[in-house]
PDB file of all heavy atoms in Angstrom:
ATOM      1  N   ASP A   1     138.961 122.529  76.123  1.00  0.00           N
ATOM      2  CA  ASP A   1     138.895 121.141  76.573  1.00  0.00           C
ATOM      3  C   ASP A   1     140.101 120.339  76.095  1.00  0.00           C
ATOM      4  O   ASP A   1     140.672 119.533  76.841  1.00  0.00           O
ATOM      5  CB  ASP A   1     137.604 120.484  76.071  1.00  0.00           C
ATOM      6  CG  ASP A   1     136.358 121.043  76.746  1.00  0.00           C
ATOM      7  OD1 ASP A   1     136.496 121.655  77.825  1.00  0.00           O
ATOM      8  OD2 ASP A   1     135.256 120.878  76.193  1.00  0.00           O
ATOM      9  N   GLN A   2     140.501 120.557  74.849  1.00  0.00           N
ATOM     10  CA  GLN A   2     141.622 119.793  74.292  1.00  0.00           C
ATOM     11  C   GLN A   2     142.932 120.102  74.997  1.00  0.00           C
ATOM     12  O   GLN A   2     143.790 119.222  75.125  1.00  0.00           O
ATOM     13  CB  GLN A   2     141.759 120.061  72.791  1.00  0.00           C
ATOM     14  CG  GLN A   2     140.713 119.377  71.941  1.00  0.00           C
ATOM     15  CD  GLN A   2     141.152 119.250  70.493  1.00  0.00           C
ATOM     16  OE1 GLN A   2     142.326 119.109  70.191  1.00  0.00           O
ATOM     17  NE2 GLN A   2     140.195 119.297  69.583  1.00  0.00           N
ATOM     18  N   ILE A   3     143.107 121.334  75.445  1.00  0.00           N
ATOM     19  CA  ILE A   3     144.368 121.676  76.108  1.00  0.00           C
ATOM     20  C   ILE A   3     144.218 121.694  77.636  1.00  0.00           C
ATOM     21  O   ILE A   3     145.074 122.208  78.356  1.00  0.00           O
ATOM     22  CB  ILE A   3     144.918 123.030  75.611  1.00  0.00           C
ATOM     23  CG1 ILE A   3     143.950 124.178  75.902  1.00  0.00           C
ATOM     24  CG2 ILE A   3     145.219 122.966  74.112  1.00  0.00           C
ATOM     25  CD1 ILE A   3     144.483 125.547  75.471  1.00  0.00           C
ATOM     26  N   ASP A   4     143.115 121.091  78.124  1.00  0.00           N
ATOM     27  CA  ASP A   4     142.873 120.890  79.560  1.00  0.00           C
ATOM     28  C   ASP A   4     142.836 122.195  80.348  1.00  0.00           C
ATOM     29  O   ASP A   4     143.464 122.324  81.410  1.00  0.00           O
ATOM     30  CB  ASP A   4     143.939 119.955  80.154  1.00  0.00           C
ATOM     31  CG  ASP A   4     143.848 118.550  79.577  1.00  0.00           C
ATOM     32  OD1 ASP A   4     142.721 118.076  79.352  1.00  0.00           O
ATOM     33  OD2 ASP A   4     144.909 117.934  79.332  1.00  0.00           O
ATOM     34  N   VAL A   5     142.104 123.163  79.844  1.00  0.00           N
ATOM     35  CA  VAL A   5     141.890 124.418  80.559  1.00  0.00           C
ATOM     36  C   VAL A   5     140.431 124.459  81.006  1.00  0.00           C
ATOM     37  O   VAL A   5     139.522 124.588  80.189  1.00  0.00           O
ATOM     38  CB  VAL A   5     142.211 125.637  79.668  1.00  0.00           C
ATOM     39  CG1 VAL A   5     141.832 126.935  80.379  1.00  0.00           C
ATOM     40  CG2 VAL A   5     143.693 125.658  79.294  1.00  0.00           C
ATOM     41  N   ASP A   6     140.204 124.306  82.298  1.00  0.00           N
ATOM     42  CA  ASP A   6     138.832 124.265  82.816  1.00  0.00           C
ATOM     43  C   ASP A   6     138.249 125.660  83.020  1.00  0.00           C
ATOM     44  O   ASP A   6     137.089 125.910  82.705  1.00  0.00           O
ATOM     45  CB  ASP A   6     138.798 123.499  84.143  1.00  0.00           C
ATOM     46  CG  ASP A   6     139.129 122.020  83.967  1.00  0.00           C
ATOM     47  OD1 ASP A   6     138.765 121.459  82.913  1.00  0.00           O
ATOM     48  OD2 ASP A   6     139.767 121.448  84.870  1.00  0.00           O
ATOM     49  N   GLU A   7     139.070 126.556  83.572  1.00  0.00           N
ATOM     50  CA  GLU A   7     138.631 127.927  83.831  1.00  0.00           C
ATOM     51  C   GLU A   7     139.594 128.891  83.149  1.00  0.00           C
ATOM     52  O   GLU A   7     140.791 128.614  83.039  1.00  0.00           O
ATOM     53  CB  GLU A   7     138.593 128.219  85.334  1.00  0.00           C
ATOM     54  CG  GLU A   7     137.564 127.394  86.088  1.00  0.00           C
ATOM     55  CD  GLU A   7     137.562 127.738  87.564  1.00  0.00           C
ATOM     56  OE1 GLU A   7     138.664 127.914  88.140  1.00  0.00           O
ATOM     57  OE2 GLU A   7     136.474 127.838  88.147  1.00  0.00           O
ATOM     58  N   PHE A   8     139.075 130.031  82.736  1.00  0.00           N
ATOM     59  CA  PHE A   8     139.917 130.955  81.985  1.00  0.00           C
ATOM     60  C   PHE A   8     139.303 132.352  81.986  1.00  0.00           C
ATOM     61  O   PHE A   8     138.106 132.538  82.201  1.00  0.00           O
ATOM     62  CB  PHE A   8     140.089 130.468  80.540  1.00  0.00           C
ATOM     63  CG  PHE A   8     138.801 130.049  79.870  1.00  0.00           C
ATOM     64  CD1 PHE A   8     137.973 130.994  79.270  1.00  0.00           C
ATOM     65  CD2 PHE A   8     138.405 128.721  79.873  1.00  0.00           C
ATOM     66  CE1 PHE A   8     136.788 130.619  78.663  1.00  0.00           C
ATOM     67  CE2 PHE A   8     137.210 128.336  79.276  1.00  0.00           C
ATOM     68  CZ  PHE A   8     136.394 129.283  78.668  1.00  0.00           C
ATOM     69  N   HIS A   9     140.166 133.328  81.727  1.00  0.00           N
ATOM     70  CA  HIS A   9     139.728 134.679  81.414  1.00  0.00           C
ATOM     71  C   HIS A   9     139.468 134.723  79.909  1.00  0.00           C
ATOM     72  O   HIS A   9     140.053 133.954  79.143  1.00  0.00           O
ATOM     73  CB  HIS A   9     140.811 135.701  81.775  1.00  0.00           C
ATOM     74  CG  HIS A   9     141.281 135.608  83.194  1.00  0.00           C
ATOM     75  ND1 HIS A   9     140.657 136.273  84.234  1.00  0.00           N
ATOM     76  CD2 HIS A   9     142.328 134.925  83.751  1.00  0.00           C
ATOM     77  CE1 HIS A   9     141.290 136.007  85.365  1.00  0.00           C
ATOM     78  NE2 HIS A   9     142.314 135.192  85.106  1.00  0.00           N
ATOM     79  N   VAL A  10     138.619 135.637  79.477  1.00  0.00           N
ATOM     80  CA  VAL A  10     138.365 135.757  78.038  1.00  0.00           C
ATOM     81  C   VAL A  10     138.217 137.225  77.662  1.00  0.00           C
ATOM     82  O   VAL A  10     137.577 138.006  78.370  1.00  0.00           O
ATOM     83  CB  VAL A  10     137.126 134.929  77.611  1.00  0.00           C
ATOM     84  CG1 VAL A  10     135.866 135.407  78.322  1.00  0.00           C
ATOM     85  CG2 VAL A  10     136.935 134.956  76.104  1.00  0.00           C
ATOM     86  N   ALA A  11     138.891 137.587  76.565  1.00  0.00           N
ATOM     87  CA  ALA A  11     138.805 138.952  76.042  1.00  0.00           C
ATOM     88  C   ALA A  11     138.478 138.875  74.562  1.00  0.00           C
ATOM     89  O   ALA A  11     139.009 138.010  73.844  1.00  0.00           O
ATOM     90  CB  ALA A  11     140.122 139.703  76.257  1.00  0.00           C
ATOM     91  N   GLY A  12     137.598 139.738  74.092  1.00  0.00           N
ATOM     92  CA  GLY A  12     137.223 139.712  72.684  1.00  0.00           C
ATOM     93  C   GLY A  12     137.004 141.102  72.138  1.00  0.00           C
ATOM     94  O   GLY A  12     136.490 141.982  72.835  1.00  0.00           O
ATOM     95  N   ASN A  13     137.412 141.286  70.887  1.00  0.00           N
ATOM     96  CA  ASN A  13     137.237 142.562  70.201  1.00  0.00           C
ATOM     97  C   ASN A  13     136.207 142.424  69.095  1.00  0.00           C
ATOM     98  O   ASN A  13     136.225 141.440  68.350  1.00  0.00           O
ATOM     99  CB  ASN A  13     138.571 143.029  69.606  1.00  0.00           C
ATOM    100  CG  ASN A  13     138.435 144.213  68.665  1.00  0.00           C
ATOM    101  OD1 ASN A  13     138.735 144.128  67.489  1.00  0.00           O
ATOM    102  ND2 ASN A  13     137.956 145.331  69.187  1.00  0.00           N
ATOM    103  N   SER A  14     135.295 143.397  68.986  1.00  0.00           N
ATOM    104  CA  SER A  14     134.325 143.453  67.891  1.00  0.00           C
ATOM    105  C   SER A  14     133.502 142.158  67.850  1.00  0.00           C
ATOM    106  O   SER A  14     132.882 141.786  68.842  1.00  0.00           O
ATOM    107  CB  SER A  14     135.064 143.713  66.577  1.00  0.00           C
ATOM    108  OG  SER A  14     134.173 144.055  65.541  1.00  0.00           O
ATOM    109  N   MET A  15     133.488 141.453  66.719  1.00  0.00           N
ATOM    110  CA  MET A  15     132.791 140.170  66.634  1.00  0.00           C
ATOM    111  C   MET A  15     133.282 139.217  67.719  1.00  0.00           C
ATOM    112  O   MET A  15     132.501 138.459  68.312  1.00  0.00           O
ATOM    113  CB  MET A  15     133.003 139.553  65.258  1.00  0.00           C
ATOM    114  CG  MET A  15     132.411 138.170  65.077  1.00  0.00           C
ATOM    115  SD  MET A  15     132.933 137.393  63.526  1.00  0.00           S
ATOM    116  CE  MET A  15     134.662 137.028  63.891  1.00  0.00           C
ATOM    117  N   GLY A  16     134.593 139.264  67.997  1.00  0.00           N
ATOM    118  CA  GLY A  16     135.150 138.418  69.056  1.00  0.00           C
ATOM    119  C   GLY A  16     134.585 138.739  70.422  1.00  0.00           C
ATOM    120  O   GLY A  16     134.533 137.876  71.299  1.00  0.00           O
ATOM    121  N   GLY A  17     134.152 139.986  70.615  1.00  0.00           N
ATOM    122  CA  GLY A  17     133.498 140.344  71.862  1.00  0.00           C
ATOM    123  C   GLY A  17     132.159 139.648  72.018  1.00  0.00           C
ATOM    124  O   GLY A  17     131.782 139.224  73.117  1.00  0.00           O
ATOM    125  N   ALA A  18     131.429 139.538  70.913  1.00  0.00           N
ATOM    126  CA  ALA A  18     130.159 138.808  70.950  1.00  0.00           C
ATOM    127  C   ALA A  18     130.405 137.329  71.248  1.00  0.00           C
ATOM    128  O   ALA A  18     129.635 136.694  71.979  1.00  0.00           O
ATOM    129  CB  ALA A  18     129.423 138.968  69.620  1.00  0.00           C
ATOM    130  N   VAL A  19     131.479 136.772  70.693  1.00  0.00           N
ATOM    131  CA  VAL A  19     131.836 135.373  70.978  1.00  0.00           C
ATOM    132  C   VAL A  19     132.164 135.219  72.459  1.00  0.00           C
ATOM    133  O   VAL A  19     131.720 134.263  73.114  1.00  0.00           O
ATOM    134  CB  VAL A  19     133.027 134.926  70.106  1.00  0.00           C
ATOM    135  CG1 VAL A  19     133.440 133.498  70.461  1.00  0.00           C
ATOM    136  CG2 VAL A  19     132.681 135.025  68.617  1.00  0.00           C
ATOM    137  N   ALA A  20     132.936 136.170  73.003  1.00  0.00           N
ATOM    138  CA  ALA A  20     133.271 136.121  74.426  1.00  0.00           C
ATOM    139  C   ALA A  20     132.009 136.203  75.295  1.00  0.00           C
ATOM    140  O   ALA A  20     131.876 135.490  76.291  1.00  0.00           O
ATOM    141  CB  ALA A  20     134.230 137.266  74.769  1.00  0.00           C
ATOM    142  N   LEU A  21     131.076 137.066  74.911  1.00  0.00           N
ATOM    143  CA  LEU A  21     129.804 137.169  75.633  1.00  0.00           C
ATOM    144  C   LEU A  21     129.038 135.850  75.601  1.00  0.00           C
ATOM    145  O   LEU A  21     128.467 135.428  76.620  1.00  0.00           O
ATOM    146  CB  LEU A  21     128.936 138.267  75.007  1.00  0.00           C
ATOM    147  CG  LEU A  21     129.188 139.700  75.438  1.00  0.00           C
ATOM    148  CD1 LEU A  21     128.481 140.672  74.498  1.00  0.00           C
ATOM    149  CD2 LEU A  21     128.715 139.920  76.875  1.00  0.00           C
ATOM    150  N   LYS A  22     129.032 135.206  74.447  1.00  0.00           N
ATOM    151  CA  LYS A  22     128.309 133.937  74.306  1.00  0.00           C
ATOM    152  C   LYS A  22     128.923 132.858  75.192  1.00  0.00           C
ATOM    153  O   LYS A  22     128.203 132.104  75.855  1.00  0.00           O
ATOM    154  CB  LYS A  22     128.329 133.507  72.838  1.00  0.00           C
ATOM    155  CG  LYS A  22     127.563 132.209  72.543  1.00  0.00           C
ATOM    156  CD  LYS A  22     126.091 132.356  72.822  1.00  0.00           C
ATOM    157  CE  LYS A  22     125.323 131.094  72.404  1.00  0.00           C
ATOM    158  NZ  LYS A  22     123.919 131.110  72.916  1.00  0.00           N
ATOM    159  N   ILE A  23     130.246 132.790  75.215  1.00  0.00           N
ATOM    160  CA  ILE A  23     130.924 131.816  76.076  1.00  0.00           C
ATOM    161  C   ILE A  23     130.578 132.072  77.539  1.00  0.00           C
ATOM    162  O   ILE A  23     130.222 131.152  78.289  1.00  0.00           O
ATOM    163  CB  ILE A  23     132.449 131.892  75.867  1.00  0.00           C
ATOM    164  CG1 ILE A  23     132.834 131.437  74.459  1.00  0.00           C
ATOM    165  CG2 ILE A  23     133.189 131.057  76.914  1.00  0.00           C
ATOM    166  CD1 ILE A  23     134.284 131.712  74.094  1.00  0.00           C
ATOM    167  N   ALA A  24     130.675 133.342  77.972  1.00  0.00           N
ATOM    168  CA  ALA A  24     130.418 133.686  79.375  1.00  0.00           C
ATOM    169  C   ALA A  24     128.961 133.483  79.761  1.00  0.00           C
ATOM    170  O   ALA A  24     128.654 133.107  80.894  1.00  0.00           O
ATOM    171  CB  ALA A  24     130.838 135.134  79.626  1.00  0.00           C
ATOM    172  N   SER A  25     128.062 133.734  78.809  1.00  0.00           N
ATOM    173  CA  SER A  25     126.639 133.561  79.068  1.00  0.00           C
ATOM    174  C   SER A  25     126.274 132.081  79.186  1.00  0.00           C
ATOM    175  O   SER A  25     125.494 131.690  80.067  1.00  0.00           O
ATOM    176  CB  SER A  25     125.823 134.209  77.942  1.00  0.00           C
ATOM    177  OG  SER A  25     124.454 133.901  78.042  1.00  0.00           O
ATOM    178  N   ASP A  26     126.832 131.255  78.307  1.00  0.00           N
ATOM    179  CA  ASP A  26     126.498 129.825  78.309  1.00  0.00           C
ATOM    180  C   ASP A  26     127.222 129.044  79.399  1.00  0.00           C
ATOM    181  O   ASP A  26     126.696 128.056  79.917  1.00  0.00           O
ATOM    182  CB  ASP A  26     126.831 129.208  76.948  1.00  0.00           C
ATOM    183  CG  ASP A  26     125.900 129.674  75.844  1.00  0.00           C
ATOM    184  OD1 ASP A  26     124.915 130.379  76.161  1.00  0.00           O
ATOM    185  OD2 ASP A  26     126.156 129.350  74.667  1.00  0.00           O
ATOM    186  N   HIS A  27     128.447 129.486  79.742  1.00  0.00           N
ATOM    187  CA  HIS A  27     129.256 128.742  80.721  1.00  0.00           C
ATOM    188  C   HIS A  27     129.915 129.703  81.707  1.00  0.00           C
ATOM    189  O   HIS A  27     131.153 129.796  81.774  1.00  0.00           O
ATOM    190  CB  HIS A  27     130.320 127.908  80.002  1.00  0.00           C
ATOM    191  CG  HIS A  27     129.742 126.835  79.154  1.00  0.00           C
ATOM    192  ND1 HIS A  27     129.340 125.617  79.653  1.00  0.00           N
ATOM    193  CD2 HIS A  27     129.471 126.816  77.820  1.00  0.00           C
ATOM    194  CE1 HIS A  27     128.858 124.872  78.664  1.00  0.00           C
ATOM    195  NE2 HIS A  27     128.920 125.573  77.548  1.00  0.00           N
ATOM    196  N   PRO A  28     129.129 130.419  82.500  1.00  0.00           N
ATOM    197  CA  PRO A  28     129.710 131.376  83.456  1.00  0.00           C
ATOM    198  C   PRO A  28     130.607 130.707  84.489  1.00  0.00           C
ATOM    199  O   PRO A  28     131.518 131.360  85.027  1.00  0.00           O
ATOM    200  CB  PRO A  28     128.479 132.028  84.104  1.00  0.00           C
ATOM    201  CG  PRO A  28     127.374 131.044  83.893  1.00  0.00           C
ATOM    202  CD  PRO A  28     127.655 130.386  82.583  1.00  0.00           C
TER     203      PRO A  28
END
């Protein structure tokens, strides 16, 4: 939001993968 990115790709490794899943699940 701060850098004005409305849509984006997301990649996460290990714990970061769970974070990526949470973002995609909450805001597909």
